[in-house]
Amino acid sequence: MDVNVWMEFLKQNWLVILISLIVLFAVLNLVKTLVKWLIAAVIVAALLIYSGISMEQISTMVTNVRDEAVDVVRTEALNMMVKEAKDAKYESGGDGTYTVSSSNIEVKGQSGSDKVEVWFRGVRVGEWSITEAVGDYIQSAKNRSAVQ
């Protein structure tokens, strides 16, 4: 995106933007429910559409931000697995299922499967393949439970 285009847009539409911002802040201060966020989203979307940004560009940007956020959470969860592997607890479900948990990570899987469900700080972050880090986390907990 070209900065000069944005500067020209701001120069030409400063009054519309100012009025929109005033309405947006008034809505956010007066309405205390989910409705305020819906109204705020509509105002922001109207400004973006008015500015000439296409829905395809918005969709691409949202997808990129989502993918980056998922990558960050995945990396953080993997790092946490490495740190918490020595404290992880292994629990067998008796039917071939197992759960490995530590203070921030919980992994649930089926014996023989190469996929596990992963929760990070209580939030499900998806179904992952058992990579080296995930496998080490599970194996460390399994070894600790066998020793105890």
Protein backbone atom coordinates (compact mmCIF):
# COMPACT_ATOMS: atom_id res chain seq x y z
CA MET A 1 0.00 0.00 0.00
CA ASP A 2 1.31 3.40 -0.99
CA VAL A 3 1.63 5.98 1.79
CA ASN A 4 0.96 8.83 -0.65
CA VAL A 5 -2.39 7.31 -1.57
CA TRP A 6 -3.37 7.12 2.11
CA MET A 7 -2.23 10.71 2.73
CA GLU A 8 -4.30 11.93 -0.22
CA PHE A 9 -7.31 9.94 0.98
CA LEU A 10 -6.96 11.43 4.49
CA LYS A 11 -6.70 14.96 3.06
CA GLN A 12 -9.83 14.51 0.95
CA ASN A 13 -11.95 12.68 3.52
CA TRP A 14 -10.83 14.03 6.88
CA LEU A 15 -14.31 15.25 7.79
CA VAL A 16 -15.98 11.87 7.13
CA ILE A 17 -13.24 10.12 9.12
CA LEU A 18 -13.56 12.58 12.01
CA ILE A 19 -17.35 12.18 12.17
CA SER A 20 -16.99 8.39 12.02
CA LEU A 21 -14.47 8.41 14.87
CA ILE A 22 -16.72 10.62 17.01
CA VAL A 23 -19.68 8.30 16.40
CA LEU A 24 -17.49 5.28 17.08
CA PHE A 25 -16.26 6.64 20.43
CA ALA A 26 -19.78 7.70 21.40
CA VAL A 27 -21.10 4.21 20.69
CA LEU A 28 -18.26 2.57 22.62
CA ASN A 29 -18.86 4.84 25.63
CA LEU A 30 -22.67 4.65 25.68
CA VAL A 31 -23.49 1.07 24.72
CA LYS A 32 -22.20 -1.60 27.12
CA THR A 33 -23.13 -4.82 25.33
CA LEU A 34 -22.20 -6.95 22.36
CA VAL A 35 -24.20 -4.55 20.24
CA LYS A 36 -21.51 -1.89 20.65
CA TRP A 37 -18.91 -4.16 19.09
CA LEU A 38 -21.22 -4.97 16.21
CA ILE A 39 -21.86 -1.27 15.62
CA ALA A 40 -18.14 -0.53 15.89
CA ALA A 41 -17.36 -3.28 13.37
CA VAL A 42 -19.95 -1.86 10.96
CA ILE A 43 -18.46 1.65 11.27
CA VAL A 44 -14.91 0.38 10.70
CA ALA A 45 -16.04 -1.79 7.78
CA ALA A 46 -17.90 1.18 6.25
CA LEU A 47 -14.78 3.33 6.52
CA LEU A 48 -12.64 0.62 4.93
CA ILE A 49 -15.10 0.10 2.10
CA TYR A 50 -15.44 3.87 1.63
CA SER A 51 -11.65 4.17 1.45
CA GLY A 52 -11.55 1.79 -1.50
CA ILE A 53 -10.07 -1.24 0.21
CA SER A 54 -11.69 -4.29 -1.33
CA MET A 55 -13.19 -7.13 0.67
CA GLU A 56 -10.63 -9.41 -0.98
CA GLN A 57 -7.79 -7.32 0.48
CA ILE A 58 -9.46 -7.37 3.91
CA SER A 59 -9.95 -11.14 3.67
CA THR A 60 -6.32 -11.64 2.67
CA MET A 61 -5.14 -9.45 5.54
CA VAL A 62 -7.34 -11.29 8.07
CA THR A 63 -6.10 -14.65 6.78
CA ASN A 64 -2.48 -13.53 7.06
CA VAL A 65 -2.96 -12.25 10.60
CA ARG A 66 -4.76 -15.46 11.60
CA ASP A 67 -2.01 -17.64 10.13
CA GLU A 68 0.69 -15.60 11.88
CA ALA A 69 -1.19 -15.84 15.19
CA VAL A 70 -1.57 -19.62 14.83
CA ASP A 71 2.15 -19.94 14.08
CA VAL A 72 3.04 -17.85 17.14
CA VAL A 73 0.75 -19.90 19.41
CA ARG A 74 2.09 -23.17 17.97
CA THR A 75 5.70 -22.07 18.50
CA GLU A 76 4.93 -20.92 22.03
CA ALA A 77 3.17 -24.20 22.82
CA LEU A 78 6.09 -26.24 21.46
CA ASN A 79 8.55 -24.20 23.52
CA MET A 80 6.37 -24.73 26.58
CA MET A 81 6.33 -28.48 25.91
CA VAL A 82 10.11 -28.56 25.95
CA LYS A 83 10.22 -26.58 29.22
CA GLU A 84 7.48 -28.54 30.98
CA ALA A 85 8.31 -32.07 29.75
CA LYS A 86 10.05 -32.95 33.01
CA ASP A 87 6.90 -32.08 35.03
CA ALA A 88 4.30 -33.59 32.67
CA LYS A 89 1.92 -36.26 33.95
CA TYR A 90 0.81 -39.22 31.84
CA GLU A 91 -2.64 -40.72 32.42
CA SER A 92 -3.90 -43.75 30.52
CA GLY A 93 -7.61 -43.96 29.81
CA GLY A 94 -7.57 -47.76 29.77
CA ASP A 95 -9.21 -47.86 26.33
CA GLY A 96 -6.07 -46.88 24.42
CA THR A 97 -6.50 -43.16 25.02
CA TYR A 98 -4.08 -41.11 27.04
CA THR A 99 -3.70 -37.61 28.40
CA VAL A 100 -0.43 -35.85 29.08
CA SER A 101 -0.69 -32.64 31.06
CA SER A 102 1.48 -30.04 32.68
CA SER A 103 0.71 -26.59 34.02
CA ASN A 104 0.22 -24.98 30.58
CA ILE A 105 -0.10 -27.85 28.09
CA GLU A 106 -2.53 -30.74 27.72
CA VAL A 107 -2.20 -33.39 25.01
CA LYS A 108 -4.82 -36.06 24.35
CA GLY A 109 -4.30 -38.94 21.97
CA GLN A 110 -5.02 -42.52 21.00
CA SER A 111 -2.28 -45.17 21.24
CA GLY A 112 -0.99 -45.99 17.77
CA SER A 113 -2.26 -42.76 16.23
CA ASP A 114 0.11 -40.17 14.79
CA LYS A 115 -2.24 -37.30 15.75
CA VAL A 116 -2.98 -35.67 19.11
CA GLU A 117 -5.28 -32.91 20.32
CA VAL A 118 -3.33 -30.07 21.95
CA TRP A 119 -4.56 -27.47 24.47
CA PHE A 120 -2.37 -24.52 25.42
CA ARG A 121 -3.33 -22.66 28.60
CA GLY A 122 -6.81 -24.16 28.42
CA VAL A 123 -7.45 -23.21 24.78
CA ARG A 124 -7.62 -25.87 22.09
CA VAL A 125 -4.94 -25.18 19.48
CA GLY A 126 -5.80 -28.04 17.19
CA GLU A 127 -4.93 -31.52 16.12
CA TRP A 128 -1.20 -31.92 15.60
CA SER A 129 0.95 -34.63 14.13
CA ILE A 130 3.31 -36.16 16.62
CA THR A 131 6.58 -34.41 15.81
CA GLU A 132 9.84 -34.86 17.68
CA ALA A 133 8.99 -32.22 20.30
CA VAL A 134 5.48 -33.57 20.89
CA GLY A 135 6.76 -37.15 20.97
CA ASP A 136 9.47 -36.22 23.48
CA TYR A 137 6.87 -34.51 25.68
CA ILE A 138 4.64 -37.61 25.65
CA GLN A 139 7.52 -40.03 26.14
CA SER A 140 8.99 -38.02 29.02
CA ALA A 141 5.65 -38.08 30.84
CA LYS A 142 5.17 -41.79 30.07
CA ASN A 143 8.66 -42.60 31.45
CA ARG A 144 7.98 -40.58 34.61
CA SER A 145 4.68 -42.38 35.20
CA ALA A 146 6.35 -45.79 34.73
CA VAL A 147 9.01 -44.92 37.35
CA GLN A 148 6.47 -43.80 39.95
